[in-house]
Amino acid sequence: MIFYFAKKLLLEILFGGFIIFLLSFLNKKLDKYINCLNDDISKVRTTRQILLLYGASSLYESRLATLDRNNFILWCEKYLSALGYKNILLLDDNPLIDLCCIKSGIKYYVKCKNFNIEETEKSFSIDLVHELICEMVKDKISCGILLTPYSIDPKTKELLDNYNKNLSIIIEDKERLLSNCLDYRIKV
């Protein structure tokens, strides 16, 4: 009878030891798995940066550059929606402003400009900025957005910096568009 209890006690001790060994083994495996996930996440960030610097940015840039005016404006609607703008309206009746939208209760006028292949100067001109500013002042809108898949020339940036401080104009040029396309996974 004593051997029966001793044998049973020994089996329970062995079983308990096995459970403890199994749990510690699983804990080590789980730690390795978590470390692998953390490494993968850091690789994703690195891969995103590589894509931004090389492959994806030029791919997005070339796709955006080939969109015609109407498709570019439709893409701009998706882009603004991904950035959190609401009530995005296409303003067909106004040749100077392309879109109107709202974010955080503030109304924005949006000027979208994609260039035709024939156009040689691929930068936002001062005239386009004046069009946006005139419409904003006329309609008493204090916020505007310039959207283009190309660079904004330095004269235009200087004009915006020196212009009326009551107006706020957000510039979404090539660099910001490409970065946000990758961040928000906006397809072209």
Protein backbone atom coordinates (compact mmCIF):
# COMPACT_ATOMS: atom_id res chain seq x y z
CA MET A 1 0.00 0.00 0.00
CA ILE A 2 2.86 2.38 0.83
CA PHE A 3 4.45 1.56 -2.51
CA TYR A 4 1.16 2.42 -4.24
CA PHE A 5 1.06 5.90 -2.62
CA ALA A 6 4.77 6.41 -3.22
CA LYS A 7 4.35 5.39 -6.83
CA LYS A 8 1.33 7.71 -7.21
CA LEU A 9 3.22 10.57 -5.51
CA LEU A 10 6.22 9.99 -7.76
CA LEU A 11 3.98 10.06 -10.86
CA GLU A 12 2.37 13.33 -9.69
CA ILE A 13 5.80 14.86 -9.07
CA LEU A 14 6.99 13.71 -12.50
CA PHE A 15 3.79 14.97 -14.14
CA GLY A 16 4.12 18.32 -12.31
CA GLY A 17 7.76 18.56 -13.38
CA PHE A 18 6.75 17.77 -16.94
CA ILE A 19 4.10 20.52 -16.86
CA ILE A 20 6.62 23.03 -15.46
CA PHE A 21 9.16 21.99 -18.11
CA LEU A 22 6.50 22.26 -20.84
CA LEU A 23 5.40 25.71 -19.67
CA SER A 24 8.97 27.01 -19.51
CA PHE A 25 9.62 25.56 -22.98
CA LEU A 26 6.48 27.21 -24.37
CA ASN A 27 7.42 30.47 -22.65
CA LYS A 28 10.82 30.45 -24.37
CA LYS A 29 9.18 29.69 -27.72
CA LEU A 30 6.65 32.47 -27.15
CA ASP A 31 9.46 34.92 -26.33
CA LYS A 32 11.27 33.94 -29.54
CA TYR A 33 8.03 34.38 -31.52
CA ILE A 34 7.42 37.84 -30.02
CA ASN A 35 11.01 38.85 -30.76
CA CYS A 36 10.59 37.64 -34.35
CA LEU A 37 7.41 39.72 -34.67
CA ASN A 38 9.21 42.78 -33.35
CA ASP A 39 12.03 42.19 -35.84
CA ASP A 40 9.47 41.82 -38.65
CA ILE A 41 7.80 45.09 -37.64
CA SER A 42 11.12 46.92 -37.73
CA LYS A 43 11.84 45.34 -41.13
CA VAL A 44 8.46 46.59 -42.38
CA ARG A 45 9.39 50.11 -41.34
CA THR A 46 12.72 49.74 -43.09
CA THR A 47 11.03 48.26 -46.16
CA ARG A 48 8.55 51.15 -46.21
CA GLN A 49 11.42 53.61 -46.12
CA ILE A 50 13.17 51.76 -48.93
CA LEU A 51 9.97 51.75 -50.98
CA LEU A 52 9.51 55.42 -50.33
CA LEU A 53 13.05 56.21 -51.39
CA TYR A 54 13.20 53.95 -54.44
CA GLY A 55 10.50 51.77 -55.92
CA ALA A 56 7.10 52.88 -54.75
CA SER A 57 7.66 56.61 -54.87
CA SER A 58 8.64 56.56 -58.54
CA LEU A 59 5.77 54.17 -59.29
CA TYR A 60 3.23 56.43 -57.57
CA GLU A 61 4.77 59.49 -59.18
CA SER A 62 4.56 58.05 -62.68
CA ARG A 63 0.98 56.84 -62.16
CA LEU A 64 -0.16 60.18 -60.77
CA ALA A 65 1.53 62.04 -63.61
CA THR A 66 -0.36 60.03 -66.23
CA LEU A 67 -3.83 60.69 -64.81
CA ASP A 68 -5.94 63.10 -66.83
CA ARG A 69 -7.54 66.10 -65.12
CA ASN A 70 -10.86 64.42 -64.24
CA ASN A 71 -9.27 61.23 -62.94
CA PHE A 72 -6.75 63.24 -60.94
CA ILE A 73 -9.56 65.19 -59.27
CA LEU A 74 -11.36 61.91 -58.48
CA TRP A 75 -8.12 60.57 -57.02
CA CYS A 76 -7.78 63.77 -54.96
CA GLU A 77 -11.23 63.08 -53.50
CA LYS A 78 -10.04 59.64 -52.33
CA TYR A 79 -6.82 61.15 -51.01
CA LEU A 80 -8.62 63.83 -48.99
CA SER A 81 -11.09 61.26 -47.68
CA ALA A 82 -8.20 59.07 -46.48
CA LEU A 83 -6.76 62.10 -44.66
CA GLY A 84 -10.04 62.59 -42.78
CA TYR A 85 -11.78 65.28 -44.84
CA LYS A 86 -15.58 64.94 -45.07
CA ASN A 87 -18.34 66.23 -47.36
CA ILE A 88 -16.01 66.39 -50.35
CA LEU A 89 -17.83 68.10 -53.19
CA LEU A 90 -16.76 68.50 -56.80
CA LEU A 91 -17.27 72.13 -57.86
CA ASP A 92 -17.99 71.78 -61.58
CA ASP A 93 -19.53 75.24 -61.80
CA ASN A 94 -16.38 77.00 -60.53
CA PRO A 95 -13.42 76.86 -62.94
CA LEU A 96 -11.02 78.24 -60.31
CA ILE A 97 -11.71 75.77 -57.48
CA ASP A 98 -11.91 72.01 -57.99
CA LEU A 99 -13.16 70.66 -54.65
CA CYS A 100 -14.69 71.81 -51.42
CA CYS A 101 -14.42 69.77 -48.22
CA ILE A 102 -14.76 69.98 -44.44
CA LYS A 103 -12.45 68.81 -41.67
CA SER A 104 -13.02 69.51 -37.97
CA GLY A 105 -15.86 71.87 -38.86
CA ILE A 106 -13.63 74.02 -41.08
CA LYS A 107 -14.44 74.47 -44.77
CA TYR A 108 -11.56 74.11 -47.27
CA TYR A 109 -11.28 75.07 -50.92
CA VAL A 110 -9.08 72.69 -52.90
CA LYS A 111 -7.14 73.43 -56.08
CA CYS A 112 -5.98 70.26 -57.87
CA LYS A 113 -3.48 70.58 -60.67
CA ASN A 114 -2.09 67.76 -62.72
CA PHE A 115 -0.26 68.80 -65.85
CA ASN A 116 -0.77 67.68 -69.40
CA ILE A 117 2.11 65.77 -70.93
CA GLU A 118 2.69 68.67 -73.36
CA GLU A 119 3.21 71.19 -70.56
CA THR A 120 6.87 71.79 -69.91
CA GLU A 121 6.75 73.69 -66.63
CA LYS A 122 5.61 71.19 -64.05
CA SER A 123 5.25 73.30 -60.97
CA PHE A 124 2.41 75.19 -59.37
CA SER A 125 2.51 78.67 -60.81
CA ILE A 126 1.75 81.86 -58.93
CA ASP A 127 -1.34 82.38 -61.11
CA LEU A 128 -2.89 79.18 -59.79
CA VAL A 129 -2.24 80.29 -56.23
CA HIS A 130 -3.80 83.69 -56.96
CA GLU A 131 -6.90 81.93 -58.33
CA LEU A 132 -7.26 79.94 -55.12
CA ILE A 133 -6.63 82.95 -52.88
CA CYS A 134 -9.09 85.16 -54.80
CA GLU A 135 -11.85 82.58 -54.49
CA MET A 136 -11.11 82.07 -50.80
CA VAL A 137 -11.24 85.81 -50.09
CA LYS A 138 -14.37 86.29 -52.24
CA ASP A 139 -16.26 83.50 -50.44
CA LYS A 140 -14.75 84.29 -47.01
CA ILE A 141 -13.08 80.88 -46.73
CA SER A 142 -9.95 80.96 -44.58
CA CYS A 143 -8.46 77.54 -45.46
CA GLY A 144 -7.30 76.10 -48.75
CA ILE A 145 -5.35 73.15 -50.09
CA LEU A 146 -3.05 72.97 -53.12
CA LEU A 147 -2.74 69.43 -54.53
CA THR A 148 -0.23 68.51 -57.23
CA PRO A 149 1.94 65.47 -57.99
CA TYR A 150 4.79 67.84 -58.85
CA SER A 151 6.91 70.26 -56.86
CA ILE A 152 5.79 73.70 -55.78
CA ASP A 153 8.23 76.31 -57.06
CA PRO A 154 10.08 78.50 -54.52
CA LYS A 155 8.39 81.72 -55.71
CA THR A 156 5.00 80.22 -54.98
CA LYS A 157 6.06 79.07 -51.52
CA GLU A 158 7.44 82.55 -50.84
CA LEU A 159 4.16 84.11 -51.97
CA LEU A 160 2.21 81.84 -49.63
CA ASP A 161 4.51 82.66 -46.71
CA ASN A 162 4.23 86.40 -47.26
CA TYR A 163 0.54 86.48 -48.09
CA ASN A 164 -2.30 87.42 -45.79
CA LYS A 165 -1.77 85.74 -42.42
CA ASN A 166 -5.56 85.27 -42.10
CA LEU A 167 -5.43 82.59 -44.78
CA SER A 168 -4.15 79.08 -44.19
CA ILE A 169 -3.11 77.16 -47.29
CA ILE A 170 -1.91 73.57 -47.01
CA ILE A 171 0.53 72.47 -49.70
CA GLU A 172 0.22 68.83 -50.74
CA ASP A 173 3.01 68.54 -53.29
CA LYS A 174 4.91 65.56 -54.65
CA GLU A 175 6.78 64.68 -51.45
CA ARG A 176 3.72 64.82 -49.17
CA LEU A 177 1.47 63.02 -51.64
CA LEU A 178 3.92 60.15 -52.04
CA SER A 179 4.52 59.84 -48.32
CA ASN A 180 0.80 59.87 -47.52
CA CYS A 181 0.05 57.37 -50.31
CA LEU A 182 2.33 54.89 -48.59
CA ASP A 183 1.20 55.76 -45.06
CA TYR A 184 -2.53 55.56 -45.80
CA ARG A 185 -2.23 52.92 -48.54
CA ILE A 186 -3.99 55.11 -51.09
CA LYS A 187 -4.01 53.45 -54.50
CA VAL A 188 -3.43 55.31 -57.73
